[in-house]
Amino acid sequence: MSMLAAMCGAVSRQMLPRRPVRAACLATLLPPWALGLVCALAICVHPPTVQAQRVGPQLVHLAADDETLTKLAVLYYGDALFAAVLANANALTQGVDTRLAAGQRLLIPHVSEMRLDSASSFPRVAQGLLGESYRQFVLRELNESVQSPRLSPGTVLNVPPVLQHTLRMGETLEAVASRYGLAAEAGAQLLRRYNASVREKPRQGTVIDVPLLEIRLTAAARRKLDALGHWACRRPTRSDAQSGERLIELESLLRASRFSDALVLAARLIGELEPQGAPVSSYHLLLGQALVALGNEPAARLAFDAALAETPSARLDPTLTSPKIIEVFAAAQAERARLR
């Protein structure tokens, strides 16, 4: 028997006449205070739920030999200050400049998109996704284009990643804000508002929720996420997940200068995916980079041409790619433009 059923039974035995009563009459027979208590219990037992699905994949990085959290923060966020974000999100206690183990998988937090499966509202979504309805201010700030108070099914909302930080002795909210790349004063105000139940001067050991509203991916990281996004455009399968992970593995091989291994993996993936009609321009780009590194520029131009044939807007980031590879890619672009 549930708590609510037991409560209703106890109240009915004390307050109602000793004769059969229809359930529909319960509200008219209970005094207002008892009815209010029962309704409150019903809300606690059945809290509002939100049905939503993530749009797009999680961003995961496979570490190479010489990489550190500081390097990854610059790569994905454009700022070394966010190294602490990566450490927290992956439960790492090592220094941010300590070399990561080759092959180590790291989650890269970023503002994600959630699609609502049913009608809802900002308070209800905040309750379901962020834990408290008053945290709706965060969702409204990230979704200024959504003006209606009623959210229809299919609405896509930006939702921030939220870290948990345990206060150390003497640590202030300003220090916490600075640690995760926020402006000290403004960040502390955000933390106080987001953690409304926390006292003005929280003690050591208090757990603070840290919403990362300001964190933004670099253009290169966004392109990587878009490349992986194909696997989230339809119902995922086991082979989809494996292919997405292989793309991450392929990038890791290139960063580790294992060009021969990257060449073999890229060729195999293209051979597996092309017959399925899946987009493979990202793999052709990586294949071309491996071929340039191995000194086979004619074959690299063919790989880059194949990528451009499928995705004419395909680009390489000059800040992350060697000038030689950029030169060969530009030649492939020029040749394709000339033959149009």
C-alpha atoms as a PDB file:
ATOM      1  CA  MET A   1       0.000   0.000   0.000  1.00  0.00           C
ATOM      2  CA  SER A   2       1.387   3.407  -0.991  1.00  0.00           C
ATOM      3  CA  MET A   3       1.818   6.345   1.384  1.00  0.00           C
ATOM      4  CA  LEU A   4      -0.982   8.213  -0.414  1.00  0.00           C
ATOM      5  CA  ALA A   5      -3.383   5.248  -0.166  1.00  0.00           C
ATOM      6  CA  ALA A   6      -2.624   4.817   3.541  1.00  0.00           C
ATOM      7  CA  MET A   7      -3.214   8.538   4.135  1.00  0.00           C
ATOM      8  CA  CYS A   8      -6.553   8.433   2.337  1.00  0.00           C
ATOM      9  CA  GLY A   9      -7.583   5.360   4.304  1.00  0.00           C
ATOM     10  CA  ALA A  10      -6.694   6.908   7.650  1.00  0.00           C
ATOM     11  CA  VAL A  11      -8.558  10.125   6.873  1.00  0.00           C
ATOM     12  CA  SER A  12     -11.651   8.284   5.610  1.00  0.00           C
ATOM     13  CA  ARG A  13     -11.876   6.133   8.752  1.00  0.00           C
ATOM     14  CA  GLN A  14     -11.741   9.196  11.023  1.00  0.00           C
ATOM     15  CA  MET A  15     -13.772  11.754   9.096  1.00  0.00           C
ATOM     16  CA  LEU A  16     -16.360   9.873   6.989  1.00  0.00           C
ATOM     17  CA  PRO A  17     -19.674   8.233   8.015  1.00  0.00           C
ATOM     18  CA  ARG A  18     -19.548   4.494   8.563  1.00  0.00           C
ATOM     19  CA  ARG A  19     -21.255   3.540   5.341  1.00  0.00           C
ATOM     20  CA  PRO A  20     -20.033   2.835   1.786  1.00  0.00           C
ATOM     21  CA  VAL A  21     -18.945   6.016   0.011  1.00  0.00           C
ATOM     22  CA  ARG A  22     -18.085   6.438  -3.653  1.00  0.00           C
ATOM     23  CA  ALA A  23     -14.511   7.449  -4.342  1.00  0.00           C
ATOM     24  CA  ALA A  24     -15.741  10.390  -6.409  1.00  0.00           C
ATOM     25  CA  CYS A  25     -17.289  11.930  -3.271  1.00  0.00           C
ATOM     26  CA  LEU A  26     -13.997  11.965  -1.296  1.00  0.00           C
ATOM     27  CA  ALA A  27     -13.153  15.550  -2.233  1.00  0.00           C
ATOM     28  CA  THR A  28     -16.522  16.822  -1.038  1.00  0.00           C
ATOM     29  CA  LEU A  29     -16.329  14.976   2.298  1.00  0.00           C
ATOM     30  CA  LEU A  30     -12.779  15.889   3.343  1.00  0.00           C
ATOM     31  CA  PRO A  31     -12.208  19.190   5.157  1.00  0.00           C
ATOM     32  CA  PRO A  32     -10.103  21.694   3.180  1.00  0.00           C
ATOM     33  CA  TRP A  33      -6.949  21.180   5.259  1.00  0.00           C
ATOM     34  CA  ALA A  34      -7.037  17.399   4.759  1.00  0.00           C
ATOM     35  CA  LEU A  35      -7.739  17.696   1.046  1.00  0.00           C
ATOM     36  CA  GLY A  36      -4.791  20.085   0.667  1.00  0.00           C
ATOM     37  CA  LEU A  37      -2.515  17.666   2.518  1.00  0.00           C
ATOM     38  CA  VAL A  38      -3.584  14.766   0.299  1.00  0.00           C
ATOM     39  CA  CYS A  39      -2.973  16.835  -2.845  1.00  0.00           C
ATOM     40  CA  ALA A  40       0.493  17.834  -1.587  1.00  0.00           C
ATOM     41  CA  LEU A  41       1.300  14.195  -0.923  1.00  0.00           C
ATOM     42  CA  ALA A  42       0.134  13.289  -4.419  1.00  0.00           C
ATOM     43  CA  ILE A  43       2.526  15.844  -5.919  1.00  0.00           C
ATOM     44  CA  CYS A  44       5.439  14.515  -3.851  1.00  0.00           C
ATOM     45  CA  VAL A  45       4.686  10.904  -4.750  1.00  0.00           C
ATOM     46  CA  HIS A  46       4.164  11.740  -8.442  1.00  0.00           C
ATOM     47  CA  PRO A  47       6.553  14.618  -9.276  1.00  0.00           C
ATOM     48  CA  PRO A  48       6.308  16.174 -12.738  1.00  0.00           C
ATOM     49  CA  THR A  49       8.310  14.318 -15.351  1.00  0.00           C
ATOM     50  CA  VAL A  50       9.826  15.576 -18.581  1.00  0.00           C
ATOM     51  CA  GLN A  51      10.124  13.407 -21.647  1.00  0.00           C
ATOM     52  CA  ALA A  52      12.982  14.693 -23.798  1.00  0.00           C
ATOM     53  CA  GLN A  53      15.665  13.273 -26.041  1.00  0.00           C
ATOM     54  CA  ARG A  54      19.166  14.516 -26.701  1.00  0.00           C
ATOM     55  CA  VAL A  55      19.676  15.949 -30.180  1.00  0.00           C
ATOM     56  CA  GLY A  56      23.138  14.936 -31.361  1.00  0.00           C
ATOM     57  CA  PRO A  57      25.860  12.858 -29.733  1.00  0.00           C
ATOM     58  CA  GLN A  58      27.982  13.250 -26.651  1.00  0.00           C
ATOM     59  CA  LEU A  59      31.429  14.603 -27.486  1.00  0.00           C
ATOM     60  CA  VAL A  60      34.181  12.183 -26.462  1.00  0.00           C
ATOM     61  CA  HIS A  61      37.947  12.549 -26.903  1.00  0.00           C
ATOM     62  CA  LEU A  62      40.470   9.730 -27.133  1.00  0.00           C
ATOM     63  CA  ALA A  63      43.737  11.019 -25.694  1.00  0.00           C
ATOM     64  CA  ALA A  64      47.080  10.815 -27.491  1.00  0.00           C
ATOM     65  CA  ASP A  65      50.464  10.333 -25.772  1.00  0.00           C
ATOM     66  CA  ASP A  66      51.472  13.972 -25.282  1.00  0.00           C
ATOM     67  CA  GLU A  67      48.102  15.527 -24.488  1.00  0.00           C
ATOM     68  CA  THR A  68      47.102  17.260 -21.260  1.00  0.00           C
ATOM     69  CA  LEU A  69      43.849  18.720 -19.973  1.00  0.00           C
ATOM     70  CA  THR A  70      45.213  22.197 -20.654  1.00  0.00           C
ATOM     71  CA  LYS A  71      45.840  21.334 -24.305  1.00  0.00           C
ATOM     72  CA  LEU A  72      42.393  19.812 -24.646  1.00  0.00           C
ATOM     73  CA  ALA A  73      40.765  22.876 -23.069  1.00  0.00           C
ATOM     74  CA  VAL A  74      42.423  25.052 -25.720  1.00  0.00           C
ATOM     75  CA  LEU A  75      41.487  22.587 -28.471  1.00  0.00           C
ATOM     76  CA  TYR A  76      37.804  22.304 -27.538  1.00  0.00           C
ATOM     77  CA  TYR A  77      37.039  25.612 -25.781  1.00  0.00           C
ATOM     78  CA  GLY A  78      39.789  27.935 -26.975  1.00  0.00           C
ATOM     79  CA  ASP A  79      40.830  28.737 -23.389  1.00  0.00           C
ATOM     80  CA  ALA A  80      43.141  26.908 -20.987  1.00  0.00           C
ATOM     81  CA  LEU A  81      41.027  28.148 -18.053  1.00  0.00           C
ATOM     82  CA  PHE A  82      38.479  25.432 -18.802  1.00  0.00           C
ATOM     83  CA  ALA A  83      40.944  22.632 -18.009  1.00  0.00           C
ATOM     84  CA  ALA A  84      39.327  22.350 -14.559  1.00  0.00           C
ATOM     85  CA  VAL A  85      35.984  21.697 -16.284  1.00  0.00           C
ATOM     86  CA  LEU A  86      37.458  18.657 -18.027  1.00  0.00           C
ATOM     87  CA  ALA A  87      39.060  17.456 -14.786  1.00  0.00           C
ATOM     88  CA  ASN A  88      35.761  17.688 -12.896  1.00  0.00           C
ATOM     89  CA  ALA A  89      33.643  16.133 -15.656  1.00  0.00           C
ATOM     90  CA  ASN A  90      35.974  13.130 -15.866  1.00  0.00           C
ATOM     91  CA  ALA A  91      36.671  12.794 -12.110  1.00  0.00           C
ATOM     92  CA  LEU A  92      40.401  13.389 -12.601  1.00  0.00           C
ATOM     93  CA  THR A  93      42.527  14.551  -9.677  1.00  0.00           C
ATOM     94  CA  GLN A  94      45.831  14.881 -11.534  1.00  0.00           C
ATOM     95  CA  GLY A  95      47.271  18.260 -12.439  1.00  0.00           C
ATOM     96  CA  VAL A  96      45.891  19.873 -15.567  1.00  0.00           C
ATOM     97  CA  ASP A  97      49.360  19.803 -17.156  1.00  0.00           C
ATOM     98  CA  THR A  98      50.000  16.123 -16.412  1.00  0.00           C
ATOM     99  CA  ARG A  99      50.183  13.960 -19.514  1.00  0.00           C
ATOM    100  CA  LEU A 100      47.115  11.831 -20.138  1.00  0.00           C
ATOM    101  CA  ALA A 101      47.377   8.112 -20.806  1.00  0.00           C
ATOM    102  CA  ALA A 102      47.236   7.252 -24.504  1.00  0.00           C
ATOM    103  CA  GLY A 103      43.781   5.950 -25.383  1.00  0.00           C
ATOM    104  CA  GLN A 104      42.142   7.485 -22.302  1.00  0.00           C
ATOM    105  CA  ARG A 105      38.521   8.444 -23.059  1.00  0.00           C
ATOM    106  CA  LEU A 106      37.381  11.873 -21.897  1.00  0.00           C
ATOM    107  CA  LEU A 107      33.905  13.382 -21.927  1.00  0.00           C
ATOM    108  CA  ILE A 108      33.885  16.947 -23.310  1.00  0.00           C
ATOM    109  CA  PRO A 109      31.005  18.863 -21.634  1.00  0.00           C
ATOM    110  CA  HIS A 110      29.128  21.311 -23.828  1.00  0.00           C
ATOM    111  CA  VAL A 111      25.718  22.946 -24.086  1.00  0.00           C
ATOM    112  CA  SER A 112      23.480  20.238 -25.545  1.00  0.00           C
ATOM    113  CA  GLU A 113      20.144  20.302 -27.318  1.00  0.00           C
ATOM    114  CA  MET A 114      17.123  18.443 -25.942  1.00  0.00           C
ATOM    115  CA  ARG A 115      13.950  17.842 -27.955  1.00  0.00           C
ATOM    116  CA  LEU A 116      10.712  17.647 -25.951  1.00  0.00           C
ATOM    117  CA  ASP A 117       8.503  14.644 -26.660  1.00  0.00           C
ATOM    118  CA  SER A 118       5.440  16.204 -25.029  1.00  0.00           C
ATOM    119  CA  ALA A 119       4.028  19.629 -24.155  1.00  0.00           C
ATOM    120  CA  SER A 120       5.697  21.261 -21.168  1.00  0.00           C
ATOM    121  CA  SER A 121       6.850  24.574 -19.668  1.00  0.00           C
ATOM    122  CA  PHE A 122      10.143  26.112 -18.558  1.00  0.00           C
ATOM    123  CA  PRO A 123       9.507  25.440 -14.832  1.00  0.00           C
ATOM    124  CA  ARG A 124       8.612  21.829 -15.513  1.00  0.00           C
ATOM    125  CA  VAL A 125      11.606  21.254 -17.810  1.00  0.00           C
ATOM    126  CA  ALA A 126      13.896  22.863 -15.224  1.00  0.00           C
ATOM    127  CA  GLN A 127      12.446  20.584 -12.540  1.00  0.00           C
ATOM    128  CA  GLY A 128      12.968  17.494 -14.670  1.00  0.00           C
ATOM    129  CA  LEU A 129      16.386  18.250 -16.184  1.00  0.00           C
ATOM    130  CA  LEU A 130      18.029  20.574 -13.633  1.00  0.00           C
ATOM    131  CA  GLY A 131      16.422  19.375 -10.416  1.00  0.00           C
ATOM    132  CA  GLU A 132      14.552  22.568  -9.384  1.00  0.00           C
ATOM    133  CA  SER A 133      11.809  24.546 -11.114  1.00  0.00           C
ATOM    134  CA  TYR A 134      13.328  27.912 -10.083  1.00  0.00           C
ATOM    135  CA  ARG A 135      16.347  27.094 -12.245  1.00  0.00           C
ATOM    136  CA  GLN A 136      14.217  27.905 -15.273  1.00  0.00           C
ATOM    137  CA  PHE A 137      16.098  31.231 -15.491  1.00  0.00           C
ATOM    138  CA  VAL A 138      19.076  29.295 -16.880  1.00  0.00           C
ATOM    139  CA  LEU A 139      16.972  27.726 -19.623  1.00  0.00           C
ATOM    140  CA  ARG A 140      15.359  31.050 -20.498  1.00  0.00           C
ATOM    141  CA  GLU A 141      18.778  32.699 -20.791  1.00  0.00           C
ATOM    142  CA  LEU A 142      20.045  30.005 -23.159  1.00  0.00           C
ATOM    143  CA  ASN A 143      16.806  29.945 -25.173  1.00  0.00           C
ATOM    144  CA  GLU A 144      15.907  33.600 -25.637  1.00  0.00           C
ATOM    145  CA  SER A 145      14.277  32.872 -29.001  1.00  0.00           C
ATOM    146  CA  VAL A 146      11.623  30.713 -27.302  1.00  0.00           C
ATOM    147  CA  GLN A 147       9.062  33.268 -26.109  1.00  0.00           C
ATOM    148  CA  SER A 148       5.964  31.177 -25.466  1.00  0.00           C
ATOM    149  CA  PRO A 149       5.441  30.050 -21.841  1.00  0.00           C
ATOM    150  CA  ARG A 150       3.962  26.811 -23.169  1.00  0.00           C
ATOM    151  CA  LEU A 151       6.479  24.535 -24.859  1.00  0.00           C
ATOM    152  CA  SER A 152       4.975  22.360 -27.577  1.00  0.00           C
ATOM    153  CA  PRO A 153       6.131  18.827 -28.451  1.00  0.00           C
ATOM    154  CA  GLY A 154       9.189  18.938 -30.705  1.00  0.00           C
ATOM    155  CA  THR A 155      10.577  22.125 -29.142  1.00  0.00           C
ATOM    156  CA  VAL A 156      14.387  21.991 -29.007  1.00  0.00           C
ATOM    157  CA  LEU A 157      16.005  23.631 -25.978  1.00  0.00           C
ATOM    158  CA  ASN A 158      19.640  24.373 -25.184  1.00  0.00           C
ATOM    159  CA  VAL A 159      20.556  22.821 -21.836  1.00  0.00           C
ATOM    160  CA  PRO A 160      23.860  23.577 -20.053  1.00  0.00           C
ATOM    161  CA  PRO A 161      26.152  20.946 -18.595  1.00  0.00           C
ATOM    162  CA  VAL A 162      26.163  21.074 -14.791  1.00  0.00           C
ATOM    163  CA  LEU A 163      29.169  20.112 -12.667  1.00  0.00           C
ATOM    164  CA  GLN A 164      29.198  19.361  -8.946  1.00  0.00           C
ATOM    165  CA  HIS A 165      31.909  20.962  -6.839  1.00  0.00           C
ATOM    166  CA  THR A 166      32.584  20.188  -3.168  1.00  0.00           C
ATOM    167  CA  LEU A 167      33.796  23.243  -1.257  1.00  0.00           C
ATOM    168  CA  ARG A 168      37.213  23.043   0.354  1.00  0.00           C
ATOM    169  CA  MET A 169      38.164  24.760   3.587  1.00  0.00           C
ATOM    170  CA  GLY A 170      38.019  28.542   3.172  1.00  0.00           C
ATOM    171  CA  GLU A 171      36.894  28.322  -0.470  1.00  0.00           C
ATOM    172  CA  THR A 172      34.441  31.014  -1.586  1.00  0.00           C
ATOM    173  CA  LEU A 173      31.879  30.989  -4.372  1.00  0.00           C
ATOM    174  CA  GLU A 174      34.002  33.594  -6.165  1.00  0.00           C
ATOM    175  CA  ALA A 175      36.909  31.132  -6.119  1.00  0.00           C
ATOM    176  CA  VAL A 176      34.675  28.341  -7.434  1.00  0.00           C
ATOM    177  CA  ALA A 177      33.445  30.560 -10.260  1.00  0.00           C
ATOM    178  CA  SER A 178      37.003  31.486 -11.255  1.00  0.00           C
ATOM    179  CA  ARG A 179      38.088  27.849 -11.116  1.00  0.00           C
ATOM    180  CA  TYR A 180      35.627  26.931 -13.855  1.00  0.00           C
ATOM    181  CA  GLY A 181      36.319  29.865 -16.147  1.00  0.00           C
ATOM    182  CA  LEU A 182      33.586  32.226 -14.904  1.00  0.00           C
ATOM    183  CA  ALA A 183      34.031  35.872 -13.948  1.00  0.00           C
ATOM    184  CA  ALA A 184      34.473  35.841 -10.171  1.00  0.00           C
ATOM    185  CA  GLU A 185      31.739  38.257  -9.066  1.00  0.00           C
ATOM    186  CA  ALA A 186      29.161  37.522 -11.761  1.00  0.00           C
ATOM    187  CA  GLY A 187      29.878  33.792 -11.469  1.00  0.00           C
ATOM    188  CA  ALA A 188      29.364  33.852  -7.707  1.00  0.00           C
ATOM    189  CA  GLN A 189      26.004  35.570  -8.183  1.00  0.00           C
ATOM    190  CA  LEU A 190      25.020  32.877 -10.683  1.00  0.00           C
ATOM    191  CA  LEU A 191      26.014  30.122  -8.245  1.00  0.00           C
ATOM    192  CA  ARG A 192      24.012  31.717  -5.405  1.00  0.00           C
ATOM    193  CA  ARG A 193      20.952  32.003  -7.617  1.00  0.00           C
ATOM    194  CA  TYR A 194      21.297  28.483  -8.985  1.00  0.00           C
ATOM    195  CA  ASN A 195      21.900  27.011  -5.498  1.00  0.00           C
ATOM    196  CA  ALA A 196      19.151  28.916  -3.711  1.00  0.00           C
ATOM    197  CA  SER A 197      18.988  26.407  -0.861  1.00  0.00           C
ATOM    198  CA  VAL A 198      22.656  26.968   0.042  1.00  0.00           C
ATOM    199  CA  ARG A 199      23.354  29.435   2.849  1.00  0.00           C
ATOM    200  CA  GLU A 200      25.022  32.793   2.172  1.00  0.00           C
ATOM    201  CA  LYS A 201      28.405  31.555   3.400  1.00  0.00           C
ATOM    202  CA  PRO A 202      28.447  27.803   2.683  1.00  0.00           C
ATOM    203  CA  ARG A 203      30.667  25.597   4.783  1.00  0.00           C
ATOM    204  CA  GLN A 204      33.434  23.200   3.839  1.00  0.00           C
ATOM    205  CA  GLY A 205      31.969  20.040   2.293  1.00  0.00           C
ATOM    206  CA  THR A 206      28.928  21.766   0.793  1.00  0.00           C
ATOM    207  CA  VAL A 207      28.191  20.503  -2.728  1.00  0.00           C
ATOM    208  CA  ILE A 208      27.642  23.318  -5.223  1.00  0.00           C
ATOM    209  CA  ASP A 209      26.018  22.776  -8.620  1.00  0.00           C
ATOM    210  CA  VAL A 210      27.898  24.727 -11.296  1.00  0.00           C
ATOM    211  CA  PRO A 211      25.935  25.402 -14.530  1.00  0.00           C
ATOM    212  CA  LEU A 212      28.275  26.122 -17.440  1.00  0.00           C
ATOM    213  CA  LEU A 213      26.293  28.719 -19.368  1.00  0.00           C
ATOM    214  CA  GLU A 214      29.326  30.434 -20.872  1.00  0.00           C
ATOM    215  CA  ILE A 215      31.163  27.393 -22.179  1.00  0.00           C
ATOM    216  CA  ARG A 216      31.366  27.336 -25.985  1.00  0.00           C
ATOM    217  CA  LEU A 217      33.020  24.883 -28.360  1.00  0.00           C
ATOM    218  CA  THR A 218      35.632  26.086 -30.848  1.00  0.00           C
ATOM    219  CA  ALA A 219      34.853  25.930 -34.561  1.00  0.00           C
ATOM    220  CA  ALA A 220      37.037  22.829 -34.902  1.00  0.00           C
ATOM    221  CA  ALA A 221      35.248  21.096 -32.024  1.00  0.00           C
ATOM    222  CA  ARG A 222      31.878  22.050 -33.482  1.00  0.00           C
ATOM    223  CA  ARG A 223      32.837  20.504 -36.828  1.00  0.00           C
ATOM    224  CA  LYS A 224      33.857  17.325 -35.044  1.00  0.00           C
ATOM    225  CA  LEU A 225      30.508  17.254 -33.253  1.00  0.00           C
ATOM    226  CA  ASP A 226      28.684  17.841 -36.539  1.00  0.00           C
ATOM    227  CA  ALA A 227      30.657  15.006 -38.145  1.00  0.00           C
ATOM    228  CA  LEU A 228      29.627  12.676 -35.339  1.00  0.00           C
ATOM    229  CA  GLY A 229      26.080  14.039 -35.482  1.00  0.00           C
ATOM    230  CA  HIS A 230      25.089  11.817 -38.397  1.00  0.00           C
ATOM    231  CA  TRP A 231      24.808   8.910 -35.996  1.00  0.00           C
ATOM    232  CA  ALA A 232      22.206  10.780 -33.915  1.00  0.00           C
ATOM    233  CA  CYS A 233      20.000  11.776 -36.877  1.00  0.00           C
ATOM    234  CA  ARG A 234      18.145   8.481 -36.754  1.00  0.00           C
ATOM    235  CA  ARG A 235      17.488   5.718 -34.271  1.00  0.00           C
ATOM    236  CA  PRO A 236      20.975   4.623 -33.147  1.00  0.00           C
ATOM    237  CA  THR A 237      22.163   1.083 -33.695  1.00  0.00           C
ATOM    238  CA  ARG A 238      25.156  -0.843 -32.423  1.00  0.00           C
ATOM    239  CA  SER A 239      27.000  -0.310 -35.724  1.00  0.00           C
ATOM    240  CA  ASP A 240      26.288   3.455 -35.576  1.00  0.00           C
ATOM    241  CA  ALA A 241      27.854   3.726 -32.132  1.00  0.00           C
ATOM    242  CA  GLN A 242      30.884   1.730 -33.253  1.00  0.00           C
ATOM    243  CA  SER A 243      31.341   3.943 -36.337  1.00  0.00           C
ATOM    244  CA  GLY A 244      31.155   7.111 -34.265  1.00  0.00           C
ATOM    245  CA  GLU A 245      33.795   5.747 -31.919  1.00  0.00           C
ATOM    246  CA  ARG A 246      35.992   4.777 -34.886  1.00  0.00           C
ATOM    247  CA  LEU A 247      35.954   8.366 -36.110  1.00  0.00           C
ATOM    248  CA  ILE A 248      37.270   9.408 -32.692  1.00  0.00           C
ATOM    249  CA  GLU A 249      39.866   6.624 -32.866  1.00  0.00           C
ATOM    250  CA  LEU A 250      40.929   7.760 -36.350  1.00  0.00           C
ATOM    251  CA  GLU A 251      41.502  11.330 -35.185  1.00  0.00           C
ATOM    252  CA  SER A 252      43.491  10.026 -32.235  1.00  0.00           C
ATOM    253  CA  LEU A 253      45.775   8.028 -34.538  1.00  0.00           C
ATOM    254  CA  LEU A 254      46.507  11.132 -36.601  1.00  0.00           C
ATOM    255  CA  ARG A 255      47.311  13.207 -33.506  1.00  0.00           C
ATOM    256  CA  ALA A 256      49.659  10.452 -32.358  1.00  0.00           C
ATOM    257  CA  SER A 257      51.429  10.534 -35.790  1.00  0.00           C
ATOM    258  CA  ARG A 258      50.414   6.900 -36.428  1.00  0.00           C
ATOM    259  CA  PHE A 259      49.707   7.689 -40.067  1.00  0.00           C
ATOM    260  CA  SER A 260      49.954   4.143 -41.454  1.00  0.00           C
ATOM    261  CA  ASP A 261      47.427   2.883 -38.879  1.00  0.00           C
ATOM    262  CA  ALA A 262      45.172   5.854 -39.644  1.00  0.00           C
ATOM    263  CA  LEU A 263      45.398   5.115 -43.367  1.00  0.00           C
ATOM    264  CA  VAL A 264      44.340   1.488 -42.892  1.00  0.00           C
ATOM    265  CA  LEU A 265      41.462   2.378 -40.543  1.00  0.00           C
ATOM    266  CA  ALA A 266      40.158   5.209 -42.763  1.00  0.00           C
ATOM    267  CA  ALA A 267      40.192   3.026 -45.868  1.00  0.00           C
ATOM    268  CA  ARG A 268      38.383   0.232 -44.037  1.00  0.00           C
ATOM    269  CA  LEU A 269      35.709   2.574 -42.659  1.00  0.00           C
ATOM    270  CA  ILE A 270      35.065   4.127 -46.062  1.00  0.00           C
ATOM    271  CA  GLY A 271      34.761   0.657 -47.595  1.00  0.00           C
ATOM    272  CA  GLU A 272      32.248  -0.361 -44.919  1.00  0.00           C
ATOM    273  CA  LEU A 273      30.131   2.804 -44.943  1.00  0.00           C
ATOM    274  CA  GLU A 274      29.914   3.856 -48.607  1.00  0.00           C
ATOM    275  CA  PRO A 275      27.755   0.862 -49.653  1.00  0.00           C
ATOM    276  CA  GLN A 276      25.309   1.803 -46.863  1.00  0.00           C
ATOM    277  CA  GLY A 277      24.865   5.315 -48.266  1.00  0.00           C
ATOM    278  CA  ALA A 278      26.271   6.851 -45.084  1.00  0.00           C
ATOM    279  CA  PRO A 279      28.130  10.210 -45.211  1.00  0.00           C
ATOM    280  CA  VAL A 280      31.861   9.563 -45.360  1.00  0.00           C
ATOM    281  CA  SER A 281      33.322  13.006 -46.143  1.00  0.00           C
ATOM    282  CA  SER A 282      34.850  13.237 -42.648  1.00  0.00           C
ATOM    283  CA  TYR A 283      36.688   9.960 -43.212  1.00  0.00           C
ATOM    284  CA  HIS A 284      37.951  11.117 -46.626  1.00  0.00           C
ATOM    285  CA  LEU A 285      39.326  14.287 -45.009  1.00  0.00           C
ATOM    286  CA  LEU A 286      41.190  12.273 -42.396  1.00  0.00           C
ATOM    287  CA  LEU A 287      42.369   9.810 -45.032  1.00  0.00           C
ATOM    288  CA  GLY A 288      43.782  12.701 -47.068  1.00  0.00           C
ATOM    289  CA  GLN A 289      45.673  14.025 -44.042  1.00  0.00           C
ATOM    290  CA  ALA A 290      47.234  10.602 -43.428  1.00  0.00           C
ATOM    291  CA  LEU A 291      48.259  10.314 -47.077  1.00  0.00           C
ATOM    292  CA  VAL A 292      49.949  13.742 -47.061  1.00  0.00           C
ATOM    293  CA  ALA A 293      51.872  12.781 -43.926  1.00  0.00           C
ATOM    294  CA  LEU A 294      53.026   9.576 -45.651  1.00  0.00           C
ATOM    295  CA  GLY A 295      54.205  11.525 -48.715  1.00  0.00           C
ATOM    296  CA  ASN A 296      51.498  10.406 -51.155  1.00  0.00           C
ATOM    297  CA  GLU A 297      50.123  13.772 -52.266  1.00  0.00           C
ATOM    298  CA  PRO A 298      48.367  12.583 -55.473  1.00  0.00           C
ATOM    299  CA  ALA A 299      46.323  10.068 -53.480  1.00  0.00           C
ATOM    300  CA  ALA A 300      45.677  12.715 -50.797  1.00  0.00           C
ATOM    301  CA  ARG A 301      44.225  15.073 -53.424  1.00  0.00           C
ATOM    302  CA  LEU A 302      41.899  12.296 -54.578  1.00  0.00           C
ATOM    303  CA  ALA A 303      40.745  11.739 -50.977  1.00  0.00           C
ATOM    304  CA  PHE A 304      40.171  15.465 -50.452  1.00  0.00           C
ATOM    305  CA  ASP A 305      38.303  15.642 -53.789  1.00  0.00           C
ATOM    306  CA  ALA A 306      36.013  12.825 -52.658  1.00  0.00           C
ATOM    307  CA  ALA A 307      35.292  14.720 -49.434  1.00  0.00           C
ATOM    308  CA  LEU A 308      34.496  17.914 -51.372  1.00  0.00           C
ATOM    309  CA  ALA A 309      32.291  16.018 -53.820  1.00  0.00           C
ATOM    310  CA  GLU A 310      30.069  14.884 -50.969  1.00  0.00           C
ATOM    311  CA  THR A 311      30.370  18.018 -48.814  1.00  0.00           C
ATOM    312  CA  PRO A 312      31.380  21.103 -50.868  1.00  0.00           C
ATOM    313  CA  SER A 313      31.586  23.184 -47.676  1.00  0.00           C
ATOM    314  CA  ALA A 314      34.166  20.832 -46.094  1.00  0.00           C
ATOM    315  CA  ARG A 315      37.076  22.693 -44.505  1.00  0.00           C
ATOM    316  CA  LEU A 316      40.268  22.050 -42.545  1.00  0.00           C
ATOM    317  CA  ASP A 317      41.143  24.222 -39.559  1.00  0.00           C
ATOM    318  CA  PRO A 318      44.471  25.978 -40.331  1.00  0.00           C
ATOM    319  CA  THR A 319      45.155  26.425 -36.621  1.00  0.00           C
ATOM    320  CA  LEU A 320      45.074  22.655 -36.057  1.00  0.00           C
ATOM    321  CA  THR A 321      46.381  21.385 -39.411  1.00  0.00           C
ATOM    322  CA  SER A 322      49.910  21.537 -40.833  1.00  0.00           C
ATOM    323  CA  PRO A 323      50.558  24.041 -43.649  1.00  0.00           C
ATOM    324  CA  LYS A 324      51.543  21.199 -45.989  1.00  0.00           C
ATOM    325  CA  ILE A 325      48.168  19.475 -45.568  1.00  0.00           C
ATOM    326  CA  ILE A 326      46.360  22.802 -46.017  1.00  0.00           C
ATOM    327  CA  GLU A 327      48.331  23.363 -49.240  1.00  0.00           C
ATOM    328  CA  VAL A 328      47.328  19.974 -50.704  1.00  0.00           C
ATOM    329  CA  PHE A 329      43.699  20.476 -49.643  1.00  0.00           C
ATOM    330  CA  ALA A 330      43.651  23.921 -51.280  1.00  0.00           C
ATOM    331  CA  ALA A 331      44.993  22.376 -54.483  1.00  0.00           C
ATOM    332  CA  ALA A 332      42.144  19.855 -54.463  1.00  0.00           C
ATOM    333  CA  GLN A 333      39.665  22.702 -53.941  1.00  0.00           C
ATOM    334  CA  ALA A 334      41.150  24.675 -56.841  1.00  0.00           C
ATOM    335  CA  GLU A 335      41.097  21.672 -59.174  1.00  0.00           C
ATOM    336  CA  ARG A 336      37.452  20.943 -58.357  1.00  0.00           C
ATOM    337  CA  ALA A 337      36.527  24.617 -58.967  1.00  0.00           C
ATOM    338  CA  ARG A 338      38.390  24.573 -62.303  1.00  0.00           C
ATOM    339  CA  LEU A 339      36.519  21.489 -63.534  1.00  0.00           C
ATOM    340  CA  ARG A 340      33.057  22.827 -62.738  1.00  0.00           C
END
